[in-house]
Protein backbone atom coordinates (compact mmCIF):
# COMPACT_ATOMS: atom_id res chain seq x y z
CA UNK A 1 -66.39 -17.02 -50.04
CA UNK A 2 -65.21 -16.63 -46.39
CA UNK A 3 -67.33 -19.18 -44.66
CA UNK A 4 -67.85 -19.55 -41.34
CA UNK A 5 -69.06 -23.24 -39.88
CA UNK A 6 -69.94 -24.23 -36.74
CA UNK A 7 -69.90 -28.15 -36.01
CA UNK A 8 -66.66 -28.08 -37.86
CA UNK A 9 -65.69 -31.53 -36.13
CA UNK A 10 -69.05 -33.02 -36.74
CA UNK A 11 -69.99 -36.01 -38.85
CA UNK A 12 -72.05 -33.28 -41.25
CA UNK A 13 -70.07 -29.86 -40.72
CA UNK A 14 -66.76 -31.43 -41.35
CA UNK A 15 -67.90 -33.37 -44.38
CA UNK A 16 -69.38 -29.99 -45.61
CA UNK A 17 -66.22 -28.03 -44.95
CA UNK A 18 -64.21 -30.47 -46.28
CA UNK A 19 -66.29 -30.38 -49.98
CA UNK A 20 -66.45 -26.81 -49.76
CA UNK A 21 -63.01 -26.23 -49.26
CA UNK A 22 -62.17 -28.51 -52.36
CA UNK A 23 -65.00 -26.25 -54.37
CA UNK A 24 -62.57 -23.17 -53.58
CA UNK A 25 -64.29 -21.42 -50.66
CA UNK A 26 -62.44 -20.84 -47.39
CA UNK A 27 -63.62 -22.36 -44.15
CA UNK A 28 -63.15 -21.30 -40.46
CA UNK A 29 -64.81 -23.90 -38.25
CA UNK A 30 -65.99 -23.94 -34.60
CA UNK A 31 -64.73 -26.62 -32.44
CA UNK A 32 -64.90 -27.14 -28.93
CA UNK A 33 -61.61 -28.32 -27.53
CA UNK A 34 -57.69 -27.61 -28.38
CA UNK A 35 -58.01 -31.58 -29.67
CA UNK A 36 -60.33 -30.78 -32.22
CA UNK A 37 -58.93 -28.13 -33.39
CA UNK A 38 -55.64 -29.72 -34.25
CA UNK A 39 -58.08 -32.30 -36.11
CA UNK A 40 -59.85 -30.08 -38.28
CA UNK A 41 -56.76 -27.91 -39.24
CA UNK A 42 -55.76 -31.00 -41.03
CA UNK A 43 -58.34 -30.88 -43.01
CA UNK A 44 -57.89 -27.61 -43.96
CA UNK A 45 -59.92 -25.91 -41.61
CA UNK A 46 -59.12 -22.75 -40.11
CA UNK A 47 -60.25 -23.67 -36.40
CA UNK A 48 -62.20 -21.26 -34.10
CA UNK A 49 -62.39 -22.53 -30.45
CA UNK A 50 -65.69 -22.04 -28.88
CA UNK A 51 -69.12 -23.00 -28.76
CA UNK A 52 -72.84 -22.18 -29.55
CA UNK A 53 -73.09 -20.31 -26.13
CA UNK A 54 -70.00 -17.84 -27.01
CA UNK A 55 -72.47 -14.96 -28.38
CA UNK A 56 -69.31 -12.13 -28.83
CA UNK A 57 -67.33 -15.03 -30.78
CA UNK A 58 -70.15 -15.74 -32.95
CA UNK A 59 -70.99 -12.44 -33.53
CA UNK A 60 -67.75 -11.50 -34.53
CA UNK A 61 -67.46 -14.59 -36.60
CA UNK A 62 -70.63 -13.75 -38.43
CA UNK A 63 -69.67 -10.30 -39.01
CA UNK A 64 -66.08 -11.19 -40.88
CA UNK A 65 -67.66 -14.05 -43.02
CA UNK A 66 -69.57 -14.23 -46.25
CA UNK A 67 -71.96 -16.92 -45.33
CA UNK A 68 -72.21 -18.70 -41.71
CA UNK A 69 -73.16 -22.09 -41.96
CA UNK A 70 -74.62 -23.86 -38.64
CA UNK A 71 -74.06 -27.45 -38.61
CA UNK A 72 -73.52 -27.94 -34.91
CA UNK A 73 -77.05 -28.10 -33.52
CA UNK A 74 -80.61 -28.11 -34.77
CA UNK A 75 -81.85 -26.96 -31.62
CA UNK A 76 -79.68 -24.26 -30.39
CA UNK A 77 -81.89 -21.28 -30.65
CA UNK A 78 -79.73 -19.00 -28.48
CA UNK A 79 -76.87 -19.66 -30.98
CA UNK A 80 -78.88 -19.54 -34.01
CA UNK A 81 -80.54 -16.07 -32.73
CA UNK A 82 -76.92 -14.40 -32.19
CA UNK A 83 -75.89 -15.29 -35.72
CA UNK A 84 -79.10 -13.99 -37.22
CA UNK A 85 -79.06 -10.65 -35.21
CA UNK A 86 -75.08 -10.33 -36.20
CA UNK A 87 -76.02 -10.90 -40.22
CA UNK A 88 -79.21 -8.72 -39.99
CA UNK A 89 -79.48 -6.03 -42.48
CA UNK A 90 -76.42 -7.52 -44.51
CA UNK A 91 -77.66 -9.54 -47.39
CA UNK A 92 -75.13 -12.52 -45.90
CA UNK A 93 -76.43 -16.06 -45.90
CA UNK A 94 -77.48 -18.09 -43.15
CA UNK A 95 -77.39 -21.63 -44.25
CA UNK A 96 -79.43 -23.52 -41.11
CA UNK A 97 -78.88 -27.62 -40.82
CA UNK A 98 -82.34 -29.04 -39.12
CA UNK A 99 -83.49 -32.66 -39.64
CA UNK A 100 -86.47 -34.75 -41.45
CA UNK A 101 -87.34 -36.10 -37.97
CA UNK A 102 -89.39 -33.06 -37.74
CA UNK A 103 -92.15 -34.89 -39.56
CA UNK A 104 -91.77 -38.02 -37.55
CA UNK A 105 -94.48 -39.48 -35.05
CA UNK A 106 -93.59 -42.02 -32.07
CA UNK A 107 -94.81 -44.94 -33.98
CA UNK A 108 -92.78 -47.72 -31.91
CA UNK A 109 -91.62 -49.64 -35.21
CA UNK A 110 -95.16 -48.92 -37.06
CA UNK A 111 -95.24 -47.91 -40.72
CA UNK A 112 -97.03 -44.54 -41.57
CA UNK A 113 -98.08 -43.74 -44.69
CA UNK A 114 -97.55 -39.92 -44.52
CA UNK A 115 -95.25 -38.48 -46.95
CA UNK A 116 -93.77 -35.03 -46.92
CA UNK A 117 -92.45 -32.59 -49.45
CA UNK A 118 -91.36 -28.88 -48.80
CA UNK A 119 -94.82 -27.64 -49.44
CA UNK A 120 -96.63 -30.18 -47.07
CA UNK A 121 -97.46 -28.59 -43.84
CA UNK A 122 -96.09 -30.07 -40.65
CA UNK A 123 -97.94 -30.89 -37.39
CA UNK A 124 -94.79 -31.78 -35.33
CA UNK A 125 -94.68 -34.00 -32.14
CA UNK A 126 -93.81 -32.24 -28.91
CA UNK A 127 -90.36 -33.61 -29.08
CA UNK A 128 -89.96 -31.81 -32.32
CA UNK A 129 -92.35 -28.30 -32.14
CA UNK A 130 -89.06 -26.21 -30.91
CA UNK A 131 -87.18 -27.29 -33.63
CA UNK A 132 -90.21 -26.51 -36.14
CA UNK A 133 -90.54 -22.74 -34.95
CA UNK A 134 -87.09 -22.28 -35.01
CA UNK A 135 -87.02 -23.39 -38.62
CA UNK A 136 -89.82 -20.71 -39.09
CA UNK A 137 -87.85 -18.13 -37.39
CA UNK A 138 -84.79 -18.38 -39.17
CA UNK A 139 -86.90 -18.68 -42.73
CA UNK A 140 -88.53 -15.53 -41.40
CA UNK A 141 -85.40 -13.96 -40.98
CA UNK A 142 -85.43 -13.10 -44.77
CA UNK A 143 -87.33 -10.13 -44.02
CA UNK A 144 -84.36 -8.56 -42.09
CA UNK A 145 -82.49 -8.58 -45.33
CA UNK A 146 -80.40 -12.20 -44.40
CA UNK A 147 -80.03 -14.66 -47.06
CA UNK A 148 -82.02 -17.33 -44.79
CA UNK A 149 -81.62 -21.19 -45.77
CA UNK A 150 -82.30 -24.37 -44.17
CA UNK A 151 -81.47 -28.31 -45.38
CA UNK A 152 -83.38 -30.77 -43.64
CA UNK A 153 -81.18 -34.15 -44.33
CA UNK A 154 -83.08 -37.63 -44.04
CA UNK A 155 -80.80 -40.63 -42.73
CA UNK A 156 -77.44 -39.97 -43.93
CA UNK A 157 -75.15 -42.71 -44.47
CA UNK A 158 -71.67 -43.42 -46.22
CA UNK A 159 -68.16 -42.37 -45.03
CA UNK A 160 -67.83 -38.41 -44.43
CA UNK A 161 -65.14 -36.48 -45.46
CA UNK A 162 -63.87 -34.66 -41.88
CA UNK A 163 -62.65 -35.86 -38.99
CA UNK A 164 -65.53 -38.03 -37.80
CA UNK A 165 -66.35 -39.87 -40.70
CA UNK A 166 -69.46 -42.04 -39.50
CA UNK A 167 -73.22 -41.00 -38.64
CA UNK A 168 -75.43 -42.28 -36.54
CA UNK A 169 -78.53 -44.43 -37.17
CA UNK A 170 -76.52 -46.98 -39.79
CA UNK A 171 -73.47 -47.45 -37.00
CA UNK A 172 -76.03 -47.85 -34.09
CA UNK A 173 -77.66 -50.51 -35.72
CA UNK A 174 -74.73 -52.46 -36.88
CA UNK A 175 -72.83 -52.06 -33.40
CA UNK A 176 -76.29 -53.51 -31.21
CA UNK A 177 -76.01 -56.35 -34.29
CA UNK A 178 -72.64 -57.11 -33.40
CA UNK A 179 -73.25 -56.83 -29.77
CA UNK A 180 -76.04 -59.15 -29.57
CA UNK A 181 -75.42 -61.68 -32.48
CA UNK A 182 -78.47 -60.16 -34.20
CA UNK A 183 -79.83 -57.29 -35.97
CA UNK A 184 -82.51 -55.77 -34.01
CA UNK A 185 -85.23 -52.99 -34.76
CA UNK A 186 -87.93 -51.49 -32.71
CA UNK A 187 -91.46 -53.52 -33.11
CA UNK A 188 -92.04 -54.73 -36.64
CA UNK A 189 -89.64 -52.35 -38.09
CA UNK A 190 -92.03 -51.30 -40.66
CA UNK A 191 -91.44 -47.57 -39.98
CA UNK A 192 -89.46 -46.02 -43.16
CA UNK A 193 -86.66 -43.62 -43.27
CA UNK A 194 -85.82 -41.71 -46.66
CA UNK A 195 -82.00 -41.71 -46.63
CA UNK A 196 -79.27 -39.51 -48.17
CA UNK A 197 -75.57 -40.55 -49.12
CA UNK A 198 -73.01 -38.12 -47.35
CA UNK A 199 -71.38 -37.10 -51.12
CA UNK A 200 -74.93 -36.34 -52.63
CA UNK A 201 -75.40 -34.31 -49.43
CA UNK A 202 -72.32 -32.16 -49.15
CA UNK A 203 -72.89 -31.47 -52.90
CA UNK A 204 -76.19 -30.21 -51.63
CA UNK A 205 -75.00 -27.44 -49.35
CA UNK A 206 -72.82 -26.16 -52.01
CA UNK A 207 -75.66 -25.79 -54.51
CA UNK A 208 -77.78 -24.09 -51.85
CA UNK A 209 -74.75 -21.81 -50.80
CA UNK A 210 -73.94 -20.76 -54.28
CA UNK A 211 -77.42 -20.40 -55.68
CA UNK A 212 -80.61 -20.75 -53.78
CA UNK A 213 -82.87 -17.78 -53.22
CA UNK A 214 -83.44 -16.65 -49.85
CA UNK A 215 -86.09 -18.25 -47.66
CA UNK A 216 -85.53 -21.62 -49.07
CA UNK A 217 -86.06 -25.06 -47.07
CA UNK A 218 -84.44 -27.66 -48.73
CA UNK A 219 -84.98 -31.81 -47.58
CA UNK A 220 -82.29 -33.99 -48.39
CA UNK A 221 -83.22 -37.25 -49.78
CA UNK A 222 -82.50 -40.37 -52.58
CA UNK A 223 -84.88 -43.21 -51.75
CA UNK A 224 -86.06 -44.91 -48.71
CA UNK A 225 -86.41 -48.30 -46.95
CA UNK A 226 -87.96 -49.36 -43.52
CA UNK A 227 -86.10 -50.42 -40.69
CA UNK A 228 -86.67 -53.93 -41.20
CA UNK A 229 -84.68 -53.60 -44.76
CA UNK A 230 -81.77 -51.79 -43.12
CA UNK A 231 -81.69 -54.26 -40.47
CA UNK A 232 -81.93 -57.25 -42.88
CA UNK A 233 -78.91 -55.76 -44.97
CA UNK A 234 -76.69 -55.27 -41.93
CA UNK A 235 -77.84 -59.07 -41.14
CA UNK A 236 -76.34 -60.14 -44.56
CA UNK A 237 -73.72 -57.98 -44.57
CA UNK A 238 -72.49 -59.49 -41.12
CA UNK A 239 -72.82 -63.04 -41.78
CA UNK A 240 -75.77 -63.15 -39.69
CA UNK A 241 -78.23 -64.48 -42.49
CA UNK A 242 -80.34 -61.99 -43.17
CA UNK A 243 -82.68 -62.53 -40.36
CA UNK A 244 -83.63 -60.02 -37.80
CA UNK A 245 -85.26 -59.39 -34.21
CA UNK A 246 -87.52 -57.15 -32.33
CA UNK A 247 -86.90 -55.05 -29.84
CA UNK A 248 -89.27 -53.08 -27.36
CA UNK A 249 -88.80 -49.26 -27.38
CA UNK A 250 -87.49 -49.53 -23.71
CA UNK A 251 -84.88 -52.15 -24.83
CA UNK A 252 -83.69 -49.61 -27.33
CA UNK A 253 -83.12 -46.95 -25.16
CA UNK A 254 -80.95 -48.72 -23.37
CA UNK A 255 -78.98 -48.57 -26.18
CA UNK A 256 -79.54 -45.31 -27.62
CA UNK A 257 -81.50 -43.23 -24.87
CA UNK A 258 -84.71 -42.60 -24.63
CA UNK A 259 -85.08 -39.59 -27.38
CA UNK A 260 -83.57 -41.21 -30.16
CA UNK A 261 -84.83 -44.60 -29.40
CA UNK A 262 -88.63 -42.73 -29.88
CA UNK A 263 -88.02 -39.74 -32.29
CA UNK A 264 -85.23 -41.28 -34.64
CA UNK A 265 -84.90 -45.27 -34.70
CA UNK A 266 -88.68 -46.06 -33.84
CA UNK A 267 -90.52 -43.26 -36.33
CA UNK A 268 -91.25 -42.48 -39.76
CA UNK A 269 -89.60 -39.85 -41.75
CA UNK A 270 -90.38 -40.55 -45.33
CA UNK A 271 -89.61 -36.74 -46.94
CA UNK A 272 -88.88 -35.77 -50.93
CA UNK A 273 -86.64 -33.57 -52.42
CA UNK A 274 -88.36 -32.24 -54.84
CA UNK A 275 -87.48 -28.64 -54.39
CA UNK A 276 -83.69 -29.23 -54.59
CA UNK A 277 -83.57 -31.31 -57.58
CA UNK A 278 -86.13 -28.97 -59.19
CA UNK A 279 -84.71 -25.43 -58.23
CA UNK A 280 -81.01 -26.22 -58.06
CA UNK A 281 -80.43 -29.13 -60.18
CA UNK A 282 -79.47 -31.35 -57.23
CA UNK A 283 -78.81 -34.76 -59.07
CA UNK A 284 -78.12 -37.50 -56.06
CA UNK A 285 -75.46 -40.08 -57.95
CA UNK A 286 -74.02 -42.16 -55.09
CA UNK A 287 -75.02 -46.16 -54.52
CA UNK A 288 -77.95 -46.54 -52.49
CA UNK A 289 -78.11 -47.05 -48.71
CA UNK A 290 -78.67 -51.20 -48.88
CA UNK A 291 -75.74 -51.61 -51.65
CA UNK A 292 -73.54 -49.13 -49.29
CA UNK A 293 -74.23 -51.74 -46.29
CA UNK A 294 -73.78 -54.91 -48.20
CA UNK A 295 -70.77 -53.96 -50.63
CA UNK A 296 -69.96 -50.38 -49.38
CA UNK A 297 -67.60 -48.72 -46.73
CA UNK A 298 -69.91 -50.58 -44.36
CA UNK A 299 -69.24 -54.09 -45.66
CA UNK A 300 -65.40 -52.79 -45.99
CA UNK A 301 -65.12 -51.84 -42.50
CA UNK A 302 -66.51 -55.37 -40.73
């Protein structure tokens, strides 16, 4: 396929693009600067200079492509709507990247027992209401003869394939542990996130692109861990003895910002990728998160 992909220099977008190129697809990738254009070109991606606000450019690229993958922003409604309008009536694919934080609440490091699969209704927090509404509207565009698909990754770990090889949550926690001399989580760290290795995630994108039915929504996960368990693994990996320390939401916001502290690092996001496994035959096979921290790419980079 001829694919137009946004976020080509990002962790998810770059990794997906390189994986799809290896599978025989051609990828044109949106980037925001000439420097990033040069970088993605070195990965085999044909760069397109622009942003999600460049409506004419997005529409033209969507019209020329066989499929569009949005990996630049889960929340940019104008960009998504521009692409959908350009694809209306074509039967072409629009694969949008959301995220499993749509099920989360501001739990300040406390545990939740709520677990979601693709059929579980979501009552989103105010911070994620707009994202859930955008997801709904994207899937509804299937009625306009668009093959609309959504993948919602959970916590992503592992080394990426593109110009930006690092994810967010685990590197953030490692950085704080290094800076402060101890691994730190919000509150008790009992909050649980499902997780997925980046190499398993990019294979899910390929399977969805090639085989998913229109209107499909997929979570991406292969296990879960509490933030305290993740921090304990980081502590062991860094030679800090496995001990962890609590911090307040306000303290965490000083490291990562108020939104990420509340809606990502202190929340629960427990999902099950049942549909991907049963419908697409997705079979994650990468090392689990704790192993990757203690013996994999994070340990190798310490």
